[in-house]
Protein backbone atom coordinates (compact mmCIF):
# COMPACT_ATOMS: atom_id res chain seq x y z
CA MET A 1 124.09 183.99 132.35
CA ALA A 2 124.43 180.75 134.31
CA LEU A 3 127.29 179.33 136.09
CA ASN A 4 127.76 175.54 135.81
CA ILE A 5 130.28 174.43 138.52
CA ASP A 6 130.74 170.78 139.21
CA CYS A 7 131.13 170.09 142.96
CA GLU A 8 132.77 166.93 144.23
CA ILE A 9 132.81 166.08 147.95
CA GLU A 10 135.35 163.67 149.34
CA ILE A 11 134.97 162.22 152.82
CA SER A 12 138.06 160.63 154.29
CA GLU A 13 138.48 158.30 157.43
CA ASP A 14 140.56 160.83 159.33
CA SER A 15 137.62 163.18 160.11
CA GLU A 16 138.43 165.47 157.21
CA ALA A 17 135.98 166.40 154.43
CA THR A 18 137.37 168.21 151.29
CA ALA A 19 135.16 169.97 148.74
CA THR A 20 136.51 170.45 145.30
CA THR A 21 134.94 172.63 142.56
CA GLY A 22 136.26 173.42 139.20
CA GLU A 23 137.92 176.71 140.65
CA GLU A 24 139.01 176.10 144.11
CA SER A 25 139.48 173.65 147.04
CA SER A 26 138.62 174.09 150.57
CA SER A 27 138.85 171.76 153.74
CA PHE A 28 136.46 171.53 156.50
CA ARG A 29 138.40 170.36 159.42
CA ASP A 30 136.04 171.55 162.27
CA LYS A 31 133.33 169.09 161.20
CA SER A 32 133.52 165.44 161.86
CA THR A 33 132.87 162.87 159.24
CA THR A 34 129.76 161.49 161.10
CA ASN A 35 128.05 164.90 161.01
CA ILE A 36 128.59 165.20 157.32
CA LYS A 37 127.53 161.70 156.66
CA LYS A 38 124.20 162.37 158.69
CA LYS A 39 123.52 165.39 156.53
CA ILE A 40 124.08 163.58 153.38
CA SER A 41 121.85 160.61 154.27
CA SER A 42 119.02 162.87 155.73
CA SER A 43 118.90 164.83 152.61
CA LYS A 44 118.09 161.74 150.64
CA SER A 45 114.89 161.00 152.70
CA LYS A 46 111.77 162.26 150.78
CA ARG A 47 108.46 163.30 152.06
CA ARG A 48 105.70 161.77 150.16
CA CYS A 49 102.02 162.78 150.12
CA ILE A 50 99.20 160.29 150.58
CA PHE A 51 95.55 160.48 149.63
CA ASN A 52 93.60 162.85 152.11
CA GLN A 53 89.95 161.79 152.77
CA GLU A 54 89.34 165.59 153.49
CA TRP A 55 89.67 166.51 149.88
CA LEU A 56 86.46 164.45 149.08
CA LYS A 57 84.44 167.00 151.31
CA ASP A 58 85.13 169.77 148.70
CA SER A 59 82.43 169.69 145.95
CA LYS A 60 85.23 170.42 143.37
CA TYR A 61 86.76 167.06 143.96
CA ALA A 62 83.93 164.96 145.33
CA ALA A 63 82.40 164.04 141.94
CA SER A 64 85.40 162.55 140.32
CA LEU A 65 88.24 161.98 142.89
CA ARG A 66 88.72 158.60 144.55
CA LYS A 67 91.45 156.99 146.68
CA CYS A 68 93.55 154.56 144.58
CA GLN A 69 93.08 151.02 146.16
CA ALA A 70 96.48 149.84 144.62
CA ASN A 71 98.69 152.53 146.00
CA LYS A 72 98.36 155.15 148.72
CA TYR A 73 100.63 157.66 146.89
CA PHE A 74 98.09 157.69 143.88
CA ALA A 75 94.59 159.10 143.32
CA HIS A 76 91.89 157.75 141.04
CA CYS A 77 90.00 159.94 138.58
CA SER A 78 86.60 158.33 137.91
CA ILE A 79 86.05 160.60 134.89
CA CYS A 80 89.35 159.70 133.14
CA LYS A 81 89.36 156.20 134.71
CA SER A 82 93.01 156.61 135.46
CA ASP A 83 95.38 156.60 138.44
CA PHE A 84 97.71 159.43 138.83
CA SER A 85 100.57 160.13 141.28
CA ILE A 86 100.03 162.70 144.13
CA SER A 87 103.36 161.68 146.04
CA ASN A 88 105.20 164.74 145.33
CA GLY A 89 102.65 167.37 145.18
CA GLY A 90 99.41 166.34 147.00
CA ILE A 91 96.48 168.55 146.27
CA TYR A 92 98.55 170.66 143.71
CA LEU A 93 98.76 167.58 141.57
CA VAL A 94 95.06 166.93 141.90
CA ASN A 95 94.31 170.43 140.68
CA HIS A 96 96.89 170.04 137.87
CA HIS A 97 95.07 166.85 136.62
CA ILE A 98 91.79 168.57 136.74
CA GLU A 99 93.09 171.46 134.54
CA GLN A 100 94.51 169.16 131.90
CA ALA A 101 92.81 169.17 128.47
CA GLY A 102 92.08 165.40 128.31
CA HIS A 103 90.25 165.48 131.79
CA LYS A 104 88.14 168.57 130.72
CA ARG A 105 87.22 166.97 127.48
CA LEU A 106 86.03 163.73 129.19
CA ALA A 107 84.33 165.75 131.92
CA GLU A 108 82.41 167.64 129.11
CA ILE A 109 81.38 164.45 127.40
CA GLN A 110 80.16 162.86 130.61
CA GLU A 111 78.12 165.94 131.36
CA ASN A 112 76.57 165.98 127.82
CA GLU A 113 75.62 162.25 128.26
CA GLN A 114 73.96 163.00 131.67
CA CYS A 115 71.88 165.83 130.11
CA LYS A 116 70.59 163.50 127.35
CA ILE A 117 69.17 161.07 130.00
């Protein structure tokens, strides 16, 4: 069972913030408008992960992972010959890319070609 309540926040110029939901209303008179505006604007700031050179020291990543030259929030996979975003997850997204079926298939093909040589 999930509740779906729409919440609407109104900020007035007389240092009063009113929150209205589908069921009830309440006023927050003890907080000034500037404090509420700071909280709203600070929640919009995002932390973004950039490529970490330390990842290349791990043998799991050293063979295929490269820093993307065009964007610091992306990594380059030399096996797939593609760039992928790491901005919202860092090493988790690198591991996710390695576990994808397309990457595994291309890695297997590359390994078979090296064995033939």
